[in-house]
Amino acid sequence: MKHCAECHGQNLEGEEDWRVQNEDHAFRAPPHDAGGHTWHHGDKVLFESVELGGERLPDNIGGTSNMP
């Protein structure tokens, strides 16, 4: 709750219209449930996401991440 809920929501519902990028091309925070983007990634990818935040994304991904 301390670190994730601000963007991913109190109930991990994700940001509204999470599949649409922001005007600055940043990806929105997805929900953390079976309907979201994160559930199908393996543990390694999820740990890297938390550890590295937006820095983990390659330049050719087509957007950025505001995840700290």
PDB file of N, CA and C in Angstrom:
ATOM      1  N   MET A   1       0.831  -1.198   0.000  1.00  0.00           N
ATOM      2  CA  MET A   1       0.000   0.000   0.000  1.00  0.00           C
ATOM      3  C   MET A   1       0.872   1.257   0.000  1.00  0.00           C
ATOM      4  N   LYS A   2       1.972   1.220   0.720  1.00  0.00           N
ATOM      5  CA  LYS A   2       2.818   2.398   0.864  1.00  0.00           C
ATOM      6  C   LYS A   2       3.438   2.835  -0.464  1.00  0.00           C
ATOM      7  N   HIS A   3       3.854   1.885  -1.278  1.00  0.00           N
ATOM      8  CA  HIS A   3       4.609   2.225  -2.469  1.00  0.00           C
ATOM      9  C   HIS A   3       3.852   2.024  -3.783  1.00  0.00           C
ATOM     10  N   CYS A   4       2.819   1.235  -3.805  1.00  0.00           N
ATOM     11  CA  CYS A   4       2.186   0.857  -5.074  1.00  0.00           C
ATOM     12  C   CYS A   4       0.802   1.459  -5.294  1.00  0.00           C
ATOM     13  N   ALA A   5       0.061   1.647  -4.214  1.00  0.00           N
ATOM     14  CA  ALA A   5      -1.348   2.046  -4.332  1.00  0.00           C
ATOM     15  C   ALA A   5      -1.540   3.429  -4.944  1.00  0.00           C
ATOM     16  N   GLU A   6      -0.563   4.313  -4.808  1.00  0.00           N
ATOM     17  CA  GLU A   6      -0.706   5.660  -5.360  1.00  0.00           C
ATOM     18  C   GLU A   6      -0.999   5.614  -6.858  1.00  0.00           C
ATOM     19  N   CYS A   7      -0.367   4.686  -7.560  1.00  0.00           N
ATOM     20  CA  CYS A   7      -0.589   4.570  -9.002  1.00  0.00           C
ATOM     21  C   CYS A   7      -1.466   3.374  -9.377  1.00  0.00           C
ATOM     22  N   HIS A   8      -1.246   2.248  -8.721  1.00  0.00           N
ATOM     23  CA  HIS A   8      -1.965   1.025  -9.078  1.00  0.00           C
ATOM     24  C   HIS A   8      -3.327   0.922  -8.400  1.00  0.00           C
ATOM     25  N   GLY A   9      -3.630   1.830  -7.451  1.00  0.00           N
ATOM     26  CA  GLY A   9      -4.935   1.866  -6.805  1.00  0.00           C
ATOM     27  C   GLY A   9      -4.976   1.145  -5.471  1.00  0.00           C
ATOM     28  N   GLN A  10      -5.892   1.570  -4.625  1.00  0.00           N
ATOM     29  CA  GLN A  10      -6.066   0.972  -3.296  1.00  0.00           C
ATOM     30  C   GLN A  10      -6.401  -0.514  -3.368  1.00  0.00           C
ATOM     31  N   ASN A  11      -7.103  -0.908  -4.405  1.00  0.00           N
ATOM     32  CA  ASN A  11      -7.483  -2.311  -4.590  1.00  0.00           C
ATOM     33  C   ASN A  11      -6.729  -2.941  -5.761  1.00  0.00           C
ATOM     34  N   LEU A  12      -5.621  -2.296  -6.151  1.00  0.00           N
ATOM     35  CA  LEU A  12      -4.783  -2.744  -7.269  1.00  0.00           C
ATOM     36  C   LEU A  12      -5.564  -2.809  -8.583  1.00  0.00           C
ATOM     37  N   GLU A  13      -6.511  -1.872  -8.737  1.00  0.00           N
ATOM     38  CA  GLU A  13      -7.356  -1.840  -9.928  1.00  0.00           C
ATOM     39  C   GLU A  13      -6.685  -1.156 -11.115  1.00  0.00           C
ATOM     40  N   GLY A  14      -5.563  -0.514 -10.902  1.00  0.00           N
ATOM     41  CA  GLY A  14      -4.853   0.172 -11.975  1.00  0.00           C
ATOM     42  C   GLY A  14      -5.459   1.535 -12.283  1.00  0.00           C
ATOM     43  N   GLU A  15      -4.757   2.273 -13.126  1.00  0.00           N
ATOM     44  CA  GLU A  15      -5.256   3.578 -13.528  1.00  0.00           C
ATOM     45  C   GLU A  15      -6.383   3.423 -14.547  1.00  0.00           C
ATOM     46  N   GLU A  16      -7.259   4.408 -14.590  1.00  0.00           N
ATOM     47  CA  GLU A  16      -8.338   4.415 -15.575  1.00  0.00           C
ATOM     48  C   GLU A  16      -7.723   4.408 -16.975  1.00  0.00           C
ATOM     49  N   ASP A  17      -8.338   3.675 -17.877  1.00  0.00           N
ATOM     50  CA  ASP A  17      -7.849   3.554 -19.261  1.00  0.00           C
ATOM     51  C   ASP A  17      -6.372   3.175 -19.304  1.00  0.00           C
ATOM     52  N   TRP A  18      -5.976   2.197 -18.497  1.00  0.00           N
ATOM     53  CA  TRP A  18      -4.561   1.851 -18.349  1.00  0.00           C
ATOM     54  C   TRP A  18      -3.902   1.374 -19.641  1.00  0.00           C
ATOM     55  N   ARG A  19      -4.673   0.971 -20.620  1.00  0.00           N
ATOM     56  CA  ARG A  19      -4.095   0.529 -21.895  1.00  0.00           C
ATOM     57  C   ARG A  19      -3.723   1.696 -22.818  1.00  0.00           C
ATOM     58  N   VAL A  20      -4.151   2.905 -22.455  1.00  0.00           N
ATOM     59  CA  VAL A  20      -3.870   4.104 -23.244  1.00  0.00           C
ATOM     60  C   VAL A  20      -2.681   4.826 -22.622  1.00  0.00           C
ATOM     61  N   GLN A  21      -1.701   5.183 -23.457  1.00  0.00           N
ATOM     62  CA  GLN A  21      -0.548   5.919 -22.950  1.00  0.00           C
ATOM     63  C   GLN A  21      -0.919   7.360 -22.646  1.00  0.00           C
ATOM     64  N   ASN A  22      -0.211   7.951 -21.696  1.00  0.00           N
ATOM     65  CA  ASN A  22      -0.378   9.364 -21.379  1.00  0.00           C
ATOM     66  C   ASN A  22       0.153  10.221 -22.530  1.00  0.00           C
ATOM     67  N   GLU A  23      -0.165  11.499 -22.521  1.00  0.00           N
ATOM     68  CA  GLU A  23       0.290  12.401 -23.572  1.00  0.00           C
ATOM     69  C   GLU A  23       1.810  12.451 -23.674  1.00  0.00           C
ATOM     70  N   ASP A  24       2.510  12.215 -22.549  1.00  0.00           N
ATOM     71  CA  ASP A  24       3.978  12.221 -22.564  1.00  0.00           C
ATOM     72  C   ASP A  24       4.555  10.861 -22.974  1.00  0.00           C
ATOM     73  N   HIS A  25       3.695   9.963 -23.452  1.00  0.00           N
ATOM     74  CA  HIS A  25       4.048   8.609 -23.904  1.00  0.00           C
ATOM     75  C   HIS A  25       4.399   7.649 -22.766  1.00  0.00           C
ATOM     76  N   ALA A  26       4.114   8.038 -21.533  1.00  0.00           N
ATOM     77  CA  ALA A  26       4.330   7.139 -20.401  1.00  0.00           C
ATOM     78  C   ALA A  26       3.179   6.139 -20.336  1.00  0.00           C
ATOM     79  N   PHE A  27       3.519   4.898 -20.045  1.00  0.00           N
ATOM     80  CA  PHE A  27       2.501   3.879 -19.853  1.00  0.00           C
ATOM     81  C   PHE A  27       1.815   4.114 -18.514  1.00  0.00           C
ATOM     82  N   ARG A  28       0.520   3.868 -18.460  1.00  0.00           N
ATOM     83  CA  ARG A  28      -0.232   4.011 -17.206  1.00  0.00           C
ATOM     84  C   ARG A  28      -0.092   2.748 -16.383  1.00  0.00           C
ATOM     85  N   ALA A  29      -0.309   2.880 -15.089  1.00  0.00           N
ATOM     86  CA  ALA A  29      -0.172   1.754 -14.169  1.00  0.00           C
ATOM     87  C   ALA A  29      -1.294   0.742 -14.401  1.00  0.00           C
ATOM     88  N   PRO A  30      -0.945  -0.500 -14.718  1.00  0.00           N
ATOM     89  CA  PRO A  30      -1.965  -1.519 -14.959  1.00  0.00           C
ATOM     90  C   PRO A  30      -2.500  -2.106 -13.656  1.00  0.00           C
ATOM     91  N   PRO A  31      -3.659  -2.766 -13.724  1.00  0.00           N
ATOM     92  CA  PRO A  31      -4.164  -3.467 -12.548  1.00  0.00           C
ATOM     93  C   PRO A  31      -3.335  -4.721 -12.273  1.00  0.00           C
ATOM     94  N   HIS A  32      -3.397  -5.168 -11.051  1.00  0.00           N
ATOM     95  CA  HIS A  32      -2.699  -6.388 -10.662  1.00  0.00           C
ATOM     96  C   HIS A  32      -3.712  -7.489 -10.376  1.00  0.00           C
ATOM     97  N   ASP A  33      -4.432  -7.869 -11.413  1.00  0.00           N
ATOM     98  CA  ASP A  33      -5.372  -8.975 -11.313  1.00  0.00           C
ATOM     99  C   ASP A  33      -5.386  -9.708 -12.657  1.00  0.00           C
ATOM    100  N   ALA A  34      -6.218 -10.681 -12.809  1.00  0.00           N
ATOM    101  CA  ALA A  34      -6.247 -11.489 -14.026  1.00  0.00           C
ATOM    102  C   ALA A  34      -6.599 -10.673 -15.270  1.00  0.00           C
ATOM    103  N   GLY A  35      -7.198  -9.496 -15.104  1.00  0.00           N
ATOM    104  CA  GLY A  35      -7.545  -8.660 -16.237  1.00  0.00           C
ATOM    105  C   GLY A  35      -6.451  -7.672 -16.607  1.00  0.00           C
ATOM    106  N   GLY A  36      -5.391  -7.646 -15.821  1.00  0.00           N
ATOM    107  CA  GLY A  36      -4.335  -6.668 -16.028  1.00  0.00           C
ATOM    108  C   GLY A  36      -3.188  -7.173 -16.868  1.00  0.00           C
ATOM    109  N   HIS A  37      -2.178  -6.350 -16.952  1.00  0.00           N
ATOM    110  CA  HIS A  37      -1.028  -6.629 -17.798  1.00  0.00           C
ATOM    111  C   HIS A  37       0.046  -7.427 -17.063  1.00  0.00           C
ATOM    112  N   THR A  38       0.105  -7.311 -15.757  1.00  0.00           N
ATOM    113  CA  THR A  38       1.236  -7.869 -15.011  1.00  0.00           C
ATOM    114  C   THR A  38       1.125  -9.361 -14.721  1.00  0.00           C
ATOM    115  N   TRP A  39      -0.051  -9.893 -14.706  1.00  0.00           N
ATOM    116  CA  TRP A  39      -0.238 -11.273 -14.251  1.00  0.00           C
ATOM    117  C   TRP A  39       0.437 -12.292 -15.147  1.00  0.00           C
ATOM    118  N   HIS A  40       0.644 -11.996 -16.418  1.00  0.00           N
ATOM    119  CA  HIS A  40       1.198 -12.991 -17.332  1.00  0.00           C
ATOM    120  C   HIS A  40       2.724 -12.947 -17.410  1.00  0.00           C
ATOM    121  N   HIS A  41       3.368 -12.042 -16.684  1.00  0.00           N
ATOM    122  CA  HIS A  41       4.827 -11.982 -16.669  1.00  0.00           C
ATOM    123  C   HIS A  41       5.386 -12.948 -15.628  1.00  0.00           C
ATOM    124  N   GLY A  42       6.558 -13.473 -15.909  1.00  0.00           N
ATOM    125  CA  GLY A  42       7.235 -14.338 -14.961  1.00  0.00           C
ATOM    126  C   GLY A  42       7.814 -13.542 -13.797  1.00  0.00           C
ATOM    127  N   ASP A  43       8.220 -14.251 -12.759  1.00  0.00           N
ATOM    128  CA  ASP A  43       8.757 -13.604 -11.563  1.00  0.00           C
ATOM    129  C   ASP A  43       9.956 -12.708 -11.868  1.00  0.00           C
ATOM    130  N   LYS A  44      10.844 -13.148 -12.750  1.00  0.00           N
ATOM    131  CA  LYS A  44      12.046 -12.369 -13.061  1.00  0.00           C
ATOM    132  C   LYS A  44      11.676 -10.985 -13.593  1.00  0.00           C
ATOM    133  N   VAL A  45      10.744 -10.927 -14.501  1.00  0.00           N
ATOM    134  CA  VAL A  45      10.313  -9.646 -15.079  1.00  0.00           C
ATOM    135  C   VAL A  45       9.660  -8.770 -14.017  1.00  0.00           C
ATOM    136  N   LEU A  46       8.845  -9.361 -13.174  1.00  0.00           N
ATOM    137  CA  LEU A  46       8.167  -8.582 -12.138  1.00  0.00           C
ATOM    138  C   LEU A  46       9.156  -8.037 -11.112  1.00  0.00           C
ATOM    139  N   PHE A  47      10.127  -8.855 -10.707  1.00  0.00           N
ATOM    140  CA  PHE A  47      11.145  -8.375  -9.761  1.00  0.00           C
ATOM    141  C   PHE A  47      11.968  -7.241 -10.377  1.00  0.00           C
ATOM    142  N   GLU A  48      12.323  -7.363 -11.665  1.00  0.00           N
ATOM    143  CA  GLU A  48      13.058  -6.299 -12.341  1.00  0.00           C
ATOM    144  C   GLU A  48      12.215  -5.028 -12.424  1.00  0.00           C
ATOM    145  N   SER A  49      10.922  -5.175 -12.644  1.00  0.00           N
ATOM    146  CA  SER A  49      10.029  -4.020 -12.723  1.00  0.00           C
ATOM    147  C   SER A  49      10.023  -3.244 -11.418  1.00  0.00           C
ATOM    148  N   VAL A  50       9.964  -3.970 -10.313  1.00  0.00           N
ATOM    149  CA  VAL A  50       9.934  -3.328  -9.004  1.00  0.00           C
ATOM    150  C   VAL A  50      11.307  -2.741  -8.668  1.00  0.00           C
ATOM    151  N   GLU A  51      12.354  -3.493  -8.955  1.00  0.00           N
ATOM    152  CA  GLU A  51      13.702  -3.054  -8.604  1.00  0.00           C
ATOM    153  C   GLU A  51      14.188  -1.871  -9.455  1.00  0.00           C
ATOM    154  N   LEU A  52      13.906  -1.916 -10.760  1.00  0.00           N
ATOM    155  CA  LEU A  52      14.461  -0.924 -11.681  1.00  0.00           C
ATOM    156  C   LEU A  52      13.463   0.129 -12.150  1.00  0.00           C
ATOM    157  N   GLY A  53      12.172  -0.098 -11.931  1.00  0.00           N
ATOM    158  CA  GLY A  53      11.161   0.860 -12.362  1.00  0.00           C
ATOM    159  C   GLY A  53      11.248   1.148 -13.845  1.00  0.00           C
ATOM    160  N   GLY A  54      11.092   2.409 -14.219  1.00  0.00           N
ATOM    161  CA  GLY A  54      11.105   2.805 -15.622  1.00  0.00           C
ATOM    162  C   GLY A  54      12.442   2.617 -16.308  1.00  0.00           C
ATOM    163  N   GLU A  55      13.525   2.535 -15.544  1.00  0.00           N
ATOM    164  CA  GLU A  55      14.859   2.361 -16.125  1.00  0.00           C
ATOM    165  C   GLU A  55      15.007   1.042 -16.877  1.00  0.00           C
ATOM    166  N   ARG A  56      14.140   0.085 -16.595  1.00  0.00           N
ATOM    167  CA  ARG A  56      14.274  -1.243 -17.192  1.00  0.00           C
ATOM    168  C   ARG A  56      13.842  -1.287 -18.655  1.00  0.00           C
ATOM    169  N   LEU A  57      13.081  -0.307 -19.101  1.00  0.00           N
ATOM    170  CA  LEU A  57      12.509  -0.351 -20.437  1.00  0.00           C
ATOM    171  C   LEU A  57      13.538   0.006 -21.508  1.00  0.00           C
ATOM    172  N   PRO A  58      13.615  -0.791 -22.563  1.00  0.00           N
ATOM    173  CA  PRO A  58      14.523  -0.448 -23.666  1.00  0.00           C
ATOM    174  C   PRO A  58      14.008   0.763 -24.443  1.00  0.00           C
ATOM    175  N   ASP A  59      14.883   1.419 -25.157  1.00  0.00           N
ATOM    176  CA  ASP A  59      14.518   2.621 -25.914  1.00  0.00           C
ATOM    177  C   ASP A  59      13.478   2.355 -26.990  1.00  0.00           C
ATOM    178  N   ASN A  60      13.418   1.133 -27.498  1.00  0.00           N
ATOM    179  CA  ASN A  60      12.520   0.829 -28.617  1.00  0.00           C
ATOM    180  C   ASN A  60      11.160   0.291 -28.174  1.00  0.00           C
ATOM    181  N   ILE A  61      10.784   0.447 -26.927  1.00  0.00           N
ATOM    182  CA  ILE A  61       9.528  -0.115 -26.409  1.00  0.00           C
ATOM    183  C   ILE A  61       8.312   0.687 -26.863  1.00  0.00           C
ATOM    184  N   GLY A  62       8.506   1.918 -27.281  1.00  0.00           N
ATOM    185  CA  GLY A  62       7.391   2.722 -27.751  1.00  0.00           C
ATOM    186  C   GLY A  62       6.742   3.562 -26.679  1.00  0.00           C
ATOM    187  N   GLY A  63       7.419   3.702 -25.558  1.00  0.00           N
ATOM    188  CA  GLY A  63       6.902   4.523 -24.473  1.00  0.00           C
ATOM    189  C   GLY A  63       7.845   4.495 -23.288  1.00  0.00           C
ATOM    190  N   THR A  64       7.457   5.192 -22.250  1.00  0.00           N
ATOM    191  CA  THR A  64       8.267   5.263 -21.041  1.00  0.00           C
ATOM    192  C   THR A  64       7.436   4.810 -19.849  1.00  0.00           C
ATOM    193  N   SER A  65       8.072   4.758 -18.701  1.00  0.00           N
ATOM    194  CA  SER A  65       7.377   4.389 -17.468  1.00  0.00           C
ATOM    195  C   SER A  65       7.735   5.387 -16.390  1.00  0.00           C
ATOM    196  N   ASN A  66       6.726   5.855 -15.669  1.00  0.00           N
ATOM    197  CA  ASN A  66       6.964   6.744 -14.531  1.00  0.00           C
ATOM    198  C   ASN A  66       7.176   5.979 -13.239  1.00  0.00           C
ATOM    199  N   MET A  67       7.229   4.657 -13.336  1.00  0.00           N
ATOM    200  CA  MET A  67       7.414   3.850 -12.138  1.00  0.00           C
ATOM    201  C   MET A  67       8.791   4.131 -11.540  1.00  0.00           C
ATOM    202  N   PRO A  68       8.827   4.511 -10.266  1.00  0.00           N
ATOM    203  CA  PRO A  68      10.121   4.829  -9.638  1.00  0.00           C
ATOM    204  C   PRO A  68      11.009   3.603  -9.481  1.00  0.00           C
TER     205      PRO A  68
END
